Protein backbone atom coordinates (compact mmCIF):
# COMPACT_ATOMS: atom_id res chain seq x y z
CA UNK A 1 0.00 0.00 0.00
CA UNK A 2 2.80 2.40 0.87
CA UNK A 3 4.44 1.82 -2.51
CA UNK A 4 1.14 2.59 -4.23
CA UNK A 5 0.72 5.76 -2.18
CA UNK A 6 4.20 6.89 -3.17
CA UNK A 7 3.36 6.30 -6.83
CA UNK A 8 0.17 8.34 -6.49
CA UNK A 9 2.11 11.10 -4.78
CA UNK A 10 4.70 11.12 -7.55
CA UNK A 11 2.00 11.27 -10.21
CA UNK A 12 0.20 14.07 -8.39
CA UNK A 13 3.48 15.95 -7.99
CA UNK A 14 4.21 15.66 -11.71
CA UNK A 15 0.67 16.63 -12.75
CA UNK A 16 0.49 19.68 -10.46
CA UNK A 17 3.91 20.87 -11.63
CA UNK A 18 2.80 20.53 -15.26
CA UNK A 19 -0.35 22.53 -14.53
CA UNK A 20 1.84 25.27 -13.07
CA UNK A 21 4.23 25.20 -16.04
CA UNK A 22 1.29 25.28 -18.50
CA UNK A 23 -0.23 28.22 -16.59
CA UNK A 24 -3.38 26.23 -15.86
CA UNK A 25 -2.52 27.34 -12.33
CA UNK A 26 -1.48 30.99 -12.27
CA UNK A 27 1.04 32.87 -10.09
CA UNK A 28 -0.66 33.93 -6.86
CA UNK A 29 -3.43 31.32 -7.16
CA UNK A 30 -4.39 29.40 -4.03
CA UNK A 31 -4.14 25.62 -4.34
CA UNK A 32 -7.15 23.92 -2.78
CA UNK A 33 -6.65 20.29 -1.76
CA UNK A 34 -10.16 19.17 -2.67
CA UNK A 35 -10.20 20.92 -6.04
CA UNK A 36 -6.87 19.35 -7.00
CA UNK A 37 -8.02 15.98 -5.68
CA UNK A 38 -11.14 16.12 -7.87
CA UNK A 39 -9.18 17.31 -10.88
CA UNK A 40 -6.52 14.61 -10.61
CA UNK A 41 -8.89 11.82 -9.60
CA UNK A 42 -6.99 10.92 -6.44
CA UNK A 43 -7.59 11.27 -2.72
CA UNK A 44 -6.47 14.28 -0.70
CA UNK A 45 -3.52 12.40 0.84
CA UNK A 46 -1.29 12.20 -2.28
CA UNK A 47 -2.26 15.78 -3.14
CA UNK A 48 -1.19 16.96 0.30
CA UNK A 49 2.09 15.04 0.06
CA UNK A 50 2.70 16.32 -3.48
CA UNK A 51 2.19 19.92 -2.38
CA UNK A 52 4.69 19.37 0.42
CA UNK A 53 7.24 18.02 -2.04
CA UNK A 54 6.65 20.87 -4.50
CA UNK A 55 7.10 23.34 -1.65
CA UNK A 56 10.54 21.87 -0.96
CA UNK A 57 11.39 22.20 -4.67
CA UNK A 58 10.25 25.83 -4.78
CA UNK A 59 7.33 25.35 -7.17
CA UNK A 60 4.75 26.02 -4.45
CA UNK A 61 4.77 28.23 -1.35
CA UNK A 62 2.94 27.58 1.92
CA UNK A 63 1.76 30.16 4.43
CA UNK A 64 0.64 29.13 7.95
CA UNK A 65 -3.14 29.34 8.42
CA UNK A 66 -3.56 30.31 4.74
CA UNK A 67 -2.51 27.30 2.71
CA UNK A 68 -0.56 26.64 -0.49
CA UNK A 69 -0.12 29.06 -3.39
CA UNK A 70 1.56 29.21 -6.78
CA UNK A 71 4.47 31.58 -6.08
CA UNK A 72 4.85 34.96 -7.67
CA UNK A 73 8.29 36.27 -8.51
CA UNK A 74 10.34 39.19 -7.25
CA UNK A 75 13.00 41.13 -9.11
CA UNK A 76 15.68 39.65 -6.85
CA UNK A 77 14.54 36.09 -7.56
CA UNK A 78 14.45 36.74 -11.32
CA UNK A 79 17.96 38.15 -11.26
CA UNK A 80 19.21 35.20 -9.22
CA UNK A 81 17.65 32.64 -11.58
CA UNK A 82 19.17 34.28 -14.64
CA UNK A 83 22.57 34.69 -12.98
CA UNK A 84 22.58 30.97 -12.19
CA UNK A 85 21.41 30.15 -15.70
CA UNK A 86 24.15 32.30 -17.24
CA UNK A 87 26.90 30.73 -15.11
CA UNK A 88 25.78 27.19 -15.91
CA UNK A 89 25.35 27.88 -19.61
CA UNK A 90 28.75 29.53 -19.96
CA UNK A 91 30.24 26.36 -18.54
CA UNK A 92 28.11 24.05 -20.68
CA UNK A 93 28.77 25.85 -23.98
CA UNK A 94 32.55 25.62 -23.48
CA UNK A 95 32.25 21.88 -22.84
CA UNK A 96 29.94 21.52 -25.85
CA UNK A 97 32.45 23.23 -28.13
CA UNK A 98 35.11 20.76 -27.01
CA UNK A 99 32.88 17.69 -27.26
CA UNK A 100 30.42 18.33 -30.11
CA UNK A 101 30.28 15.97 -33.08
CA UNK A 102 28.76 16.39 -36.53
CA UNK A 103 25.72 14.48 -35.25
CA UNK A 104 25.33 16.85 -32.31
CA UNK A 105 25.39 19.84 -34.65
CA UNK A 106 22.70 18.24 -36.82
CA UNK A 107 20.50 17.81 -33.76
CA UNK A 108 20.98 21.43 -32.71
CA UNK A 109 20.15 22.57 -36.25
CA UNK A 110 16.97 20.46 -36.19
CA UNK A 111 15.93 22.10 -32.91
CA UNK A 112 16.43 25.50 -34.52
CA UNK A 113 14.18 24.36 -37.36
CA UNK A 114 11.47 23.45 -34.85
CA UNK A 115 11.86 26.85 -33.23
CA UNK A 116 11.35 28.61 -36.56
CA UNK A 117 8.19 26.57 -37.18
CA UNK A 118 6.81 27.55 -33.76
CA UNK A 119 7.47 31.23 -34.57
CA UNK A 120 5.65 30.93 -37.90
CA UNK A 121 2.64 29.41 -36.14
CA UNK A 122 2.79 31.95 -33.30
CA UNK A 123 2.69 29.20 -30.66
CA UNK A 124 4.18 30.83 -27.56
CA UNK A 125 4.20 27.69 -25.42
CA UNK A 126 6.01 25.76 -28.15
CA UNK A 127 8.62 28.53 -28.40
CA UNK A 128 9.38 28.18 -24.70
CA UNK A 129 9.75 24.41 -24.91
CA UNK A 130 12.01 24.47 -27.98
CA UNK A 131 14.09 27.27 -26.43
CA UNK A 132 14.58 25.11 -23.34
CA UNK A 133 15.35 22.05 -25.46
CA UNK A 134 18.07 23.93 -27.36
CA UNK A 135 19.92 24.95 -24.21
CA UNK A 136 19.51 21.57 -22.54
CA UNK A 137 20.87 19.88 -25.66
CA UNK A 138 23.99 22.03 -25.39
CA UNK A 139 24.38 20.90 -21.78
CA UNK A 140 23.90 17.29 -22.87
CA UNK A 141 26.56 17.65 -25.57
CA UNK A 142 28.85 19.02 -22.89
CA UNK A 143 28.55 15.62 -21.25
CA UNK A 144 27.28 16.63 -17.84
CA UNK A 145 24.04 14.98 -16.60
CA UNK A 146 24.22 16.91 -13.31
CA UNK A 147 24.58 20.17 -15.23
CA UNK A 148 21.58 19.29 -17.38
CA UNK A 149 19.46 18.51 -14.30
CA UNK A 150 20.33 21.84 -12.70
CA UNK A 151 19.55 23.76 -15.89
CA UNK A 152 16.25 21.88 -16.25
CA UNK A 153 15.16 23.02 -12.79
CA UNK A 154 16.13 26.63 -13.52
CA UNK A 155 14.31 26.62 -16.86
CA UNK A 156 11.18 25.14 -15.26
CA UNK A 157 11.13 27.93 -12.69
CA UNK A 158 11.72 30.62 -15.31
CA UNK A 159 8.94 29.24 -17.52
CA UNK A 160 6.63 28.96 -14.50
CA UNK A 161 7.12 32.61 -13.68
CA UNK A 162 6.73 34.12 -17.16
CA UNK A 163 3.48 35.18 -18.75
CA UNK A 164 2.90 33.50 -22.09
CA UNK A 165 1.21 36.67 -23.34
CA UNK A 166 4.56 38.46 -23.14
CA UNK A 167 6.06 36.42 -25.98
CA UNK A 168 5.15 37.53 -29.50
CA UNK A 169 6.30 36.12 -32.86
CA UNK A 170 8.56 39.19 -33.17
CA UNK A 171 10.35 38.57 -29.88
CA UNK A 172 10.47 34.90 -30.84
CA UNK A 173 12.25 35.82 -34.09
CA UNK A 174 14.77 37.91 -32.17
CA UNK A 175 15.37 34.97 -29.85
CA UNK A 176 15.77 32.63 -32.83
CA UNK A 177 18.50 34.87 -34.24
CA UNK A 178 20.33 34.74 -30.91
CA UNK A 179 20.08 30.95 -30.88
CA UNK A 180 21.40 30.85 -34.43
CA UNK A 181 24.43 32.92 -33.43
CA UNK A 182 25.08 30.57 -30.50
CA UNK A 183 24.84 27.59 -32.85
CA UNK A 184 27.27 29.13 -35.34
CA UNK A 185 29.76 29.87 -32.56
CA UNK A 186 29.61 26.22 -31.44
CA UNK A 187 29.93 25.07 -35.05
CA UNK A 188 33.00 27.30 -35.54
CA UNK A 189 34.50 26.23 -32.18
CA UNK A 190 34.59 29.91 -31.19
CA UNK A 191 34.51 29.95 -27.38
CA UNK A 192 34.71 33.73 -27.03
CA UNK A 193 31.80 34.35 -29.41
CA UNK A 194 29.72 31.57 -27.83
CA UNK A 195 30.20 33.03 -24.35
CA UNK A 196 29.28 36.51 -25.58
CA UNK A 197 26.10 35.25 -27.25
CA UNK A 198 25.11 33.23 -24.17
CA UNK A 199 25.52 36.33 -22.00
CA UNK A 200 23.46 38.50 -24.36
CA UNK A 201 20.73 35.88 -24.60
CA UNK A 202 20.49 35.40 -20.83
CA UNK A 203 20.49 39.16 -20.23
CA UNK A 204 17.72 39.69 -22.80
CA UNK A 205 15.63 37.01 -21.10
CA UNK A 206 16.22 38.58 -17.70
CA UNK A 207 15.15 42.03 -18.91
CA UNK A 208 11.99 40.58 -20.48
CA UNK A 209 11.03 38.91 -17.19
CA UNK A 210 11.78 42.04 -15.15
CA UNK A 211 9.59 44.04 -17.51
CA UNK A 212 6.77 41.53 -17.07
CA UNK A 213 7.12 41.73 -13.28
CA UNK A 214 6.81 45.52 -13.44
CA UNK A 215 3.73 45.27 -15.67
CA UNK A 216 2.12 42.73 -13.33
CA UNK A 217 2.78 44.98 -10.36
CA UNK A 218 0.97 47.84 -12.08
CA UNK A 219 -2.02 45.59 -12.66
CA UNK A 220 -1.90 44.00 -9.18
CA UNK A 221 0.05 46.38 -6.94
CA UNK A 222 -1.24 44.88 -3.68
CA UNK A 223 -0.23 41.25 -3.82
CA UNK A 224 -1.17 38.97 -0.93
CA UNK A 225 2.46 37.97 -0.49
CA UNK A 226 5.91 38.04 -2.02
CA UNK A 227 7.80 35.03 -3.33
CA UNK A 228 10.07 35.28 -0.32
CA UNK A 229 7.17 34.51 1.97
CA UNK A 230 6.73 37.94 3.54
CA UNK A 231 3.05 38.67 3.55
CA UNK A 232 1.91 42.04 2.24
CA UNK A 233 -1.31 43.15 3.85
CA UNK A 234 -4.19 43.92 1.52
CA UNK A 235 -5.86 47.28 1.85
C-alpha atoms as a PDB file:
ATOM      1  CA  UNK A   1       0.000   0.000   0.000  1.00  0.00           C
ATOM      2  CA  UNK A   2       2.803   2.398   0.868  1.00  0.00           C
ATOM      3  CA  UNK A   3       4.437   1.815  -2.510  1.00  0.00           C
ATOM      4  CA  UNK A   4       1.140   2.586  -4.232  1.00  0.00           C
ATOM      5  CA  UNK A   5       0.718   5.763  -2.177  1.00  0.00           C
ATOM      6  CA  UNK A   6       4.201   6.893  -3.172  1.00  0.00           C
ATOM      7  CA  UNK A   7       3.355   6.298  -6.834  1.00  0.00           C
ATOM      8  CA  UNK A   8       0.170   8.343  -6.494  1.00  0.00           C
ATOM      9  CA  UNK A   9       2.109  11.100  -4.775  1.00  0.00           C
ATOM     10  CA  UNK A  10       4.705  11.115  -7.550  1.00  0.00           C
ATOM     11  CA  UNK A  11       2.001  11.269 -10.210  1.00  0.00           C
ATOM     12  CA  UNK A  12       0.199  14.068  -8.387  1.00  0.00           C
ATOM     13  CA  UNK A  13       3.478  15.953  -7.987  1.00  0.00           C
ATOM     14  CA  UNK A  14       4.206  15.664 -11.709  1.00  0.00           C
ATOM     15  CA  UNK A  15       0.670  16.634 -12.747  1.00  0.00           C
ATOM     16  CA  UNK A  16       0.491  19.678 -10.458  1.00  0.00           C
ATOM     17  CA  UNK A  17       3.910  20.867 -11.629  1.00  0.00           C
ATOM     18  CA  UNK A  18       2.804  20.531 -15.258  1.00  0.00           C
ATOM     19  CA  UNK A  19      -0.352  22.530 -14.535  1.00  0.00           C
ATOM     20  CA  UNK A  20       1.836  25.270 -13.074  1.00  0.00           C
ATOM     21  CA  UNK A  21       4.225  25.197 -16.041  1.00  0.00           C
ATOM     22  CA  UNK A  22       1.288  25.279 -18.497  1.00  0.00           C
ATOM     23  CA  UNK A  23      -0.226  28.217 -16.590  1.00  0.00           C
ATOM     24  CA  UNK A  24      -3.376  26.232 -15.862  1.00  0.00           C
ATOM     25  CA  UNK A  25      -2.522  27.339 -12.327  1.00  0.00           C
ATOM     26  CA  UNK A  26      -1.485  30.992 -12.268  1.00  0.00           C
ATOM     27  CA  UNK A  27       1.040  32.867 -10.092  1.00  0.00           C
ATOM     28  CA  UNK A  28      -0.660  33.928  -6.856  1.00  0.00           C
ATOM     29  CA  UNK A  29      -3.433  31.322  -7.165  1.00  0.00           C
ATOM     30  CA  UNK A  30      -4.392  29.397  -4.028  1.00  0.00           C
ATOM     31  CA  UNK A  31      -4.138  25.623  -4.338  1.00  0.00           C
ATOM     32  CA  UNK A  32      -7.153  23.916  -2.781  1.00  0.00           C
ATOM     33  CA  UNK A  33      -6.650  20.292  -1.756  1.00  0.00           C
ATOM     34  CA  UNK A  34     -10.157  19.165  -2.667  1.00  0.00           C
ATOM     35  CA  UNK A  35     -10.200  20.920  -6.043  1.00  0.00           C
ATOM     36  CA  UNK A  36      -6.871  19.352  -6.997  1.00  0.00           C
ATOM     37  CA  UNK A  37      -8.019  15.977  -5.678  1.00  0.00           C
ATOM     38  CA  UNK A  38     -11.135  16.117  -7.869  1.00  0.00           C
ATOM     39  CA  UNK A  39      -9.178  17.312 -10.879  1.00  0.00           C
ATOM     40  CA  UNK A  40      -6.518  14.610 -10.613  1.00  0.00           C
ATOM     41  CA  UNK A  41      -8.894  11.823  -9.604  1.00  0.00           C
ATOM     42  CA  UNK A  42      -6.987  10.921  -6.443  1.00  0.00           C
ATOM     43  CA  UNK A  43      -7.592  11.273  -2.719  1.00  0.00           C
ATOM     44  CA  UNK A  44      -6.472  14.279  -0.702  1.00  0.00           C
ATOM     45  CA  UNK A  45      -3.517  12.396   0.837  1.00  0.00           C
ATOM     46  CA  UNK A  46      -1.292  12.197  -2.281  1.00  0.00           C
ATOM     47  CA  UNK A  47      -2.262  15.780  -3.142  1.00  0.00           C
ATOM     48  CA  UNK A  48      -1.186  16.960   0.304  1.00  0.00           C
ATOM     49  CA  UNK A  49       2.088  15.035   0.064  1.00  0.00           C
ATOM     50  CA  UNK A  50       2.702  16.320  -3.480  1.00  0.00           C
ATOM     51  CA  UNK A  51       2.194  19.924  -2.376  1.00  0.00           C
ATOM     52  CA  UNK A  52       4.693  19.367   0.422  1.00  0.00           C
ATOM     53  CA  UNK A  53       7.243  18.025  -2.041  1.00  0.00           C
ATOM     54  CA  UNK A  54       6.654  20.875  -4.500  1.00  0.00           C
ATOM     55  CA  UNK A  55       7.100  23.344  -1.650  1.00  0.00           C
ATOM     56  CA  UNK A  56      10.542  21.872  -0.963  1.00  0.00           C
ATOM     57  CA  UNK A  57      11.390  22.198  -4.667  1.00  0.00           C
ATOM     58  CA  UNK A  58      10.251  25.832  -4.783  1.00  0.00           C
ATOM     59  CA  UNK A  59       7.326  25.351  -7.173  1.00  0.00           C
ATOM     60  CA  UNK A  60       4.745  26.021  -4.451  1.00  0.00           C
ATOM     61  CA  UNK A  61       4.772  28.227  -1.351  1.00  0.00           C
ATOM     62  CA  UNK A  62       2.941  27.578   1.924  1.00  0.00           C
ATOM     63  CA  UNK A  63       1.764  30.158   4.435  1.00  0.00           C
ATOM     64  CA  UNK A  64       0.636  29.132   7.945  1.00  0.00           C
ATOM     65  CA  UNK A  65      -3.141  29.341   8.417  1.00  0.00           C
ATOM     66  CA  UNK A  66      -3.558  30.313   4.735  1.00  0.00           C
ATOM     67  CA  UNK A  67      -2.510  27.299   2.708  1.00  0.00           C
ATOM     68  CA  UNK A  68      -0.558  26.641  -0.492  1.00  0.00           C
ATOM     69  CA  UNK A  69      -0.119  29.061  -3.387  1.00  0.00           C
ATOM     70  CA  UNK A  70       1.557  29.209  -6.782  1.00  0.00           C
ATOM     71  CA  UNK A  71       4.467  31.580  -6.079  1.00  0.00           C
ATOM     72  CA  UNK A  72       4.846  34.958  -7.672  1.00  0.00           C
ATOM     73  CA  UNK A  73       8.291  36.270  -8.515  1.00  0.00           C
ATOM     74  CA  UNK A  74      10.337  39.194  -7.251  1.00  0.00           C
ATOM     75  CA  UNK A  75      12.995  41.130  -9.113  1.00  0.00           C
ATOM     76  CA  UNK A  76      15.678  39.649  -6.852  1.00  0.00           C
ATOM     77  CA  UNK A  77      14.544  36.092  -7.560  1.00  0.00           C
ATOM     78  CA  UNK A  78      14.447  36.740 -11.319  1.00  0.00           C
ATOM     79  CA  UNK A  79      17.956  38.148 -11.258  1.00  0.00           C
ATOM     80  CA  UNK A  80      19.211  35.201  -9.220  1.00  0.00           C
ATOM     81  CA  UNK A  81      17.652  32.640 -11.578  1.00  0.00           C
ATOM     82  CA  UNK A  82      19.169  34.278 -14.639  1.00  0.00           C
ATOM     83  CA  UNK A  83      22.567  34.691 -12.980  1.00  0.00           C
ATOM     84  CA  UNK A  84      22.577  30.967 -12.189  1.00  0.00           C
ATOM     85  CA  UNK A  85      21.412  30.153 -15.696  1.00  0.00           C
ATOM     86  CA  UNK A  86      24.147  32.297 -17.237  1.00  0.00           C
ATOM     87  CA  UNK A  87      26.902  30.733 -15.115  1.00  0.00           C
ATOM     88  CA  UNK A  88      25.780  27.191 -15.908  1.00  0.00           C
ATOM     89  CA  UNK A  89      25.351  27.881 -19.608  1.00  0.00           C
ATOM     90  CA  UNK A  90      28.748  29.535 -19.965  1.00  0.00           C
ATOM     91  CA  UNK A  91      30.245  26.358 -18.543  1.00  0.00           C
ATOM     92  CA  UNK A  92      28.106  24.046 -20.681  1.00  0.00           C
ATOM     93  CA  UNK A  93      28.771  25.851 -23.982  1.00  0.00           C
ATOM     94  CA  UNK A  94      32.547  25.623 -23.480  1.00  0.00           C
ATOM     95  CA  UNK A  95      32.254  21.882 -22.843  1.00  0.00           C
ATOM     96  CA  UNK A  96      29.936  21.517 -25.853  1.00  0.00           C
ATOM     97  CA  UNK A  97      32.449  23.226 -28.127  1.00  0.00           C
ATOM     98  CA  UNK A  98      35.114  20.759 -27.008  1.00  0.00           C
ATOM     99  CA  UNK A  99      32.876  17.685 -27.259  1.00  0.00           C
ATOM    100  CA  UNK A 100      30.416  18.332 -30.109  1.00  0.00           C
ATOM    101  CA  UNK A 101      30.282  15.965 -33.078  1.00  0.00           C
ATOM    102  CA  UNK A 102      28.759  16.388 -36.528  1.00  0.00           C
ATOM    103  CA  UNK A 103      25.723  14.482 -35.253  1.00  0.00           C
ATOM    104  CA  UNK A 104      25.333  16.850 -32.312  1.00  0.00           C
ATOM    105  CA  UNK A 105      25.391  19.840 -34.653  1.00  0.00           C
ATOM    106  CA  UNK A 106      22.702  18.244 -36.824  1.00  0.00           C
ATOM    107  CA  UNK A 107      20.497  17.806 -33.756  1.00  0.00           C
ATOM    108  CA  UNK A 108      20.978  21.427 -32.714  1.00  0.00           C
ATOM    109  CA  UNK A 109      20.148  22.567 -36.248  1.00  0.00           C
ATOM    110  CA  UNK A 110      16.972  20.455 -36.185  1.00  0.00           C
ATOM    111  CA  UNK A 111      15.928  22.096 -32.906  1.00  0.00           C
ATOM    112  CA  UNK A 112      16.433  25.503 -34.521  1.00  0.00           C
ATOM    113  CA  UNK A 113      14.184  24.356 -37.360  1.00  0.00           C
ATOM    114  CA  UNK A 114      11.470  23.450 -34.850  1.00  0.00           C
ATOM    115  CA  UNK A 115      11.863  26.855 -33.227  1.00  0.00           C
ATOM    116  CA  UNK A 116      11.349  28.613 -36.559  1.00  0.00           C
ATOM    117  CA  UNK A 117       8.195  26.565 -37.175  1.00  0.00           C
ATOM    118  CA  UNK A 118       6.812  27.554 -33.765  1.00  0.00           C
ATOM    119  CA  UNK A 119       7.467  31.228 -34.569  1.00  0.00           C
ATOM    120  CA  UNK A 120       5.651  30.927 -37.899  1.00  0.00           C
ATOM    121  CA  UNK A 121       2.637  29.413 -36.136  1.00  0.00           C
ATOM    122  CA  UNK A 122       2.789  31.950 -33.297  1.00  0.00           C
ATOM    123  CA  UNK A 123       2.687  29.205 -30.662  1.00  0.00           C
ATOM    124  CA  UNK A 124       4.181  30.828 -27.556  1.00  0.00           C
ATOM    125  CA  UNK A 125       4.200  27.689 -25.425  1.00  0.00           C
ATOM    126  CA  UNK A 126       6.007  25.757 -28.154  1.00  0.00           C
ATOM    127  CA  UNK A 127       8.618  28.530 -28.399  1.00  0.00           C
ATOM    128  CA  UNK A 128       9.378  28.180 -24.698  1.00  0.00           C
ATOM    129  CA  UNK A 129       9.753  24.413 -24.915  1.00  0.00           C
ATOM    130  CA  UNK A 130      12.007  24.474 -27.980  1.00  0.00           C
ATOM    131  CA  UNK A 131      14.090  27.268 -26.425  1.00  0.00           C
ATOM    132  CA  UNK A 132      14.583  25.111 -23.338  1.00  0.00           C
ATOM    133  CA  UNK A 133      15.349  22.051 -25.461  1.00  0.00           C
ATOM    134  CA  UNK A 134      18.074  23.926 -27.362  1.00  0.00           C
ATOM    135  CA  UNK A 135      19.922  24.951 -24.207  1.00  0.00           C
ATOM    136  CA  UNK A 136      19.515  21.566 -22.538  1.00  0.00           C
ATOM    137  CA  UNK A 137      20.866  19.883 -25.663  1.00  0.00           C
ATOM    138  CA  UNK A 138      23.993  22.035 -25.387  1.00  0.00           C
ATOM    139  CA  UNK A 139      24.381  20.902 -21.776  1.00  0.00           C
ATOM    140  CA  UNK A 140      23.898  17.289 -22.871  1.00  0.00           C
ATOM    141  CA  UNK A 141      26.556  17.652 -25.567  1.00  0.00           C
ATOM    142  CA  UNK A 142      28.849  19.024 -22.893  1.00  0.00           C
ATOM    143  CA  UNK A 143      28.551  15.625 -21.254  1.00  0.00           C
ATOM    144  CA  UNK A 144      27.277  16.627 -17.839  1.00  0.00           C
ATOM    145  CA  UNK A 145      24.039  14.985 -16.598  1.00  0.00           C
ATOM    146  CA  UNK A 146      24.217  16.907 -13.311  1.00  0.00           C
ATOM    147  CA  UNK A 147      24.578  20.165 -15.229  1.00  0.00           C
ATOM    148  CA  UNK A 148      21.576  19.293 -17.381  1.00  0.00           C
ATOM    149  CA  UNK A 149      19.458  18.515 -14.302  1.00  0.00           C
ATOM    150  CA  UNK A 150      20.335  21.844 -12.698  1.00  0.00           C
ATOM    151  CA  UNK A 151      19.547  23.755 -15.886  1.00  0.00           C
ATOM    152  CA  UNK A 152      16.254  21.876 -16.251  1.00  0.00           C
ATOM    153  CA  UNK A 153      15.161  23.022 -12.789  1.00  0.00           C
ATOM    154  CA  UNK A 154      16.128  26.626 -13.520  1.00  0.00           C
ATOM    155  CA  UNK A 155      14.309  26.617 -16.864  1.00  0.00           C
ATOM    156  CA  UNK A 156      11.180  25.143 -15.264  1.00  0.00           C
ATOM    157  CA  UNK A 157      11.133  27.933 -12.690  1.00  0.00           C
ATOM    158  CA  UNK A 158      11.724  30.616 -15.311  1.00  0.00           C
ATOM    159  CA  UNK A 159       8.941  29.240 -17.515  1.00  0.00           C
ATOM    160  CA  UNK A 160       6.632  28.957 -14.500  1.00  0.00           C
ATOM    161  CA  UNK A 161       7.120  32.610 -13.684  1.00  0.00           C
ATOM    162  CA  UNK A 162       6.734  34.123 -17.158  1.00  0.00           C
ATOM    163  CA  UNK A 163       3.478  35.181 -18.752  1.00  0.00           C
ATOM    164  CA  UNK A 164       2.896  33.505 -22.089  1.00  0.00           C
ATOM    165  CA  UNK A 165       1.206  36.670 -23.343  1.00  0.00           C
ATOM    166  CA  UNK A 166       4.556  38.457 -23.140  1.00  0.00           C
ATOM    167  CA  UNK A 167       6.058  36.416 -25.982  1.00  0.00           C
ATOM    168  CA  UNK A 168       5.155  37.527 -29.500  1.00  0.00           C
ATOM    169  CA  UNK A 169       6.299  36.122 -32.857  1.00  0.00           C
ATOM    170  CA  UNK A 170       8.560  39.195 -33.168  1.00  0.00           C
ATOM    171  CA  UNK A 171      10.349  38.575 -29.884  1.00  0.00           C
ATOM    172  CA  UNK A 172      10.465  34.905 -30.841  1.00  0.00           C
ATOM    173  CA  UNK A 173      12.247  35.820 -34.087  1.00  0.00           C
ATOM    174  CA  UNK A 174      14.770  37.912 -32.169  1.00  0.00           C
ATOM    175  CA  UNK A 175      15.373  34.974 -29.848  1.00  0.00           C
ATOM    176  CA  UNK A 176      15.768  32.634 -32.828  1.00  0.00           C
ATOM    177  CA  UNK A 177      18.498  34.866 -34.240  1.00  0.00           C
ATOM    178  CA  UNK A 178      20.332  34.743 -30.912  1.00  0.00           C
ATOM    179  CA  UNK A 179      20.077  30.953 -30.880  1.00  0.00           C
ATOM    180  CA  UNK A 180      21.401  30.846 -34.431  1.00  0.00           C
ATOM    181  CA  UNK A 181      24.431  32.925 -33.426  1.00  0.00           C
ATOM    182  CA  UNK A 182      25.082  30.575 -30.498  1.00  0.00           C
ATOM    183  CA  UNK A 183      24.844  27.594 -32.846  1.00  0.00           C
ATOM    184  CA  UNK A 184      27.269  29.128 -35.338  1.00  0.00           C
ATOM    185  CA  UNK A 185      29.764  29.866 -32.561  1.00  0.00           C
ATOM    186  CA  UNK A 186      29.612  26.217 -31.445  1.00  0.00           C
ATOM    187  CA  UNK A 187      29.932  25.066 -35.050  1.00  0.00           C
ATOM    188  CA  UNK A 188      32.999  27.296 -35.535  1.00  0.00           C
ATOM    189  CA  UNK A 189      34.505  26.232 -32.176  1.00  0.00           C
ATOM    190  CA  UNK A 190      34.592  29.910 -31.192  1.00  0.00           C
ATOM    191  CA  UNK A 191      34.514  29.945 -27.382  1.00  0.00           C
ATOM    192  CA  UNK A 192      34.708  33.727 -27.033  1.00  0.00           C
ATOM    193  CA  UNK A 193      31.796  34.346 -29.409  1.00  0.00           C
ATOM    194  CA  UNK A 194      29.724  31.571 -27.831  1.00  0.00           C
ATOM    195  CA  UNK A 195      30.201  33.033 -24.352  1.00  0.00           C
ATOM    196  CA  UNK A 196      29.283  36.509 -25.576  1.00  0.00           C
ATOM    197  CA  UNK A 197      26.097  35.253 -27.245  1.00  0.00           C
ATOM    198  CA  UNK A 198      25.110  33.226 -24.172  1.00  0.00           C
ATOM    199  CA  UNK A 199      25.517  36.331 -22.004  1.00  0.00           C
ATOM    200  CA  UNK A 200      23.464  38.495 -24.364  1.00  0.00           C
ATOM    201  CA  UNK A 201      20.730  35.883 -24.602  1.00  0.00           C
ATOM    202  CA  UNK A 202      20.486  35.402 -20.826  1.00  0.00           C
ATOM    203  CA  UNK A 203      20.485  39.159 -20.225  1.00  0.00           C
ATOM    204  CA  UNK A 204      17.723  39.687 -22.799  1.00  0.00           C
ATOM    205  CA  UNK A 205      15.625  37.009 -21.099  1.00  0.00           C
ATOM    206  CA  UNK A 206      16.219  38.578 -17.702  1.00  0.00           C
ATOM    207  CA  UNK A 207      15.153  42.028 -18.909  1.00  0.00           C
ATOM    208  CA  UNK A 208      11.992  40.578 -20.479  1.00  0.00           C
ATOM    209  CA  UNK A 209      11.033  38.907 -17.193  1.00  0.00           C
ATOM    210  CA  UNK A 210      11.783  42.038 -15.148  1.00  0.00           C
ATOM    211  CA  UNK A 211       9.586  44.038 -17.506  1.00  0.00           C
ATOM    212  CA  UNK A 212       6.765  41.532 -17.073  1.00  0.00           C
ATOM    213  CA  UNK A 213       7.119  41.735 -13.283  1.00  0.00           C
ATOM    214  CA  UNK A 214       6.815  45.525 -13.442  1.00  0.00           C
ATOM    215  CA  UNK A 215       3.733  45.271 -15.665  1.00  0.00           C
ATOM    216  CA  UNK A 216       2.124  42.734 -13.334  1.00  0.00           C
ATOM    217  CA  UNK A 217       2.782  44.979 -10.356  1.00  0.00           C
ATOM    218  CA  UNK A 218       0.968  47.836 -12.078  1.00  0.00           C
ATOM    219  CA  UNK A 219      -2.025  45.585 -12.661  1.00  0.00           C
ATOM    220  CA  UNK A 220      -1.899  43.995  -9.183  1.00  0.00           C
ATOM    221  CA  UNK A 221       0.052  46.378  -6.939  1.00  0.00           C
ATOM    222  CA  UNK A 222      -1.244  44.875  -3.678  1.00  0.00           C
ATOM    223  CA  UNK A 223      -0.235  41.252  -3.815  1.00  0.00           C
ATOM    224  CA  UNK A 224      -1.169  38.969  -0.930  1.00  0.00           C
ATOM    225  CA  UNK A 225       2.457  37.971  -0.488  1.00  0.00           C
ATOM    226  CA  UNK A 226       5.906  38.044  -2.020  1.00  0.00           C
ATOM    227  CA  UNK A 227       7.802  35.033  -3.329  1.00  0.00           C
ATOM    228  CA  UNK A 228      10.074  35.276  -0.319  1.00  0.00           C
ATOM    229  CA  UNK A 229       7.172  34.507   1.969  1.00  0.00           C
ATOM    230  CA  UNK A 230       6.732  37.935   3.541  1.00  0.00           C
ATOM    231  CA  UNK A 231       3.052  38.669   3.548  1.00  0.00           C
ATOM    232  CA  UNK A 232       1.910  42.043   2.243  1.00  0.00           C
ATOM    233  CA  UNK A 233      -1.313  43.154   3.845  1.00  0.00           C
ATOM    234  CA  UNK A 234      -4.191  43.918   1.519  1.00  0.00           C
ATOM    235  CA  UNK A 235      -5.861  47.281   1.849  1.00  0.00           C
END
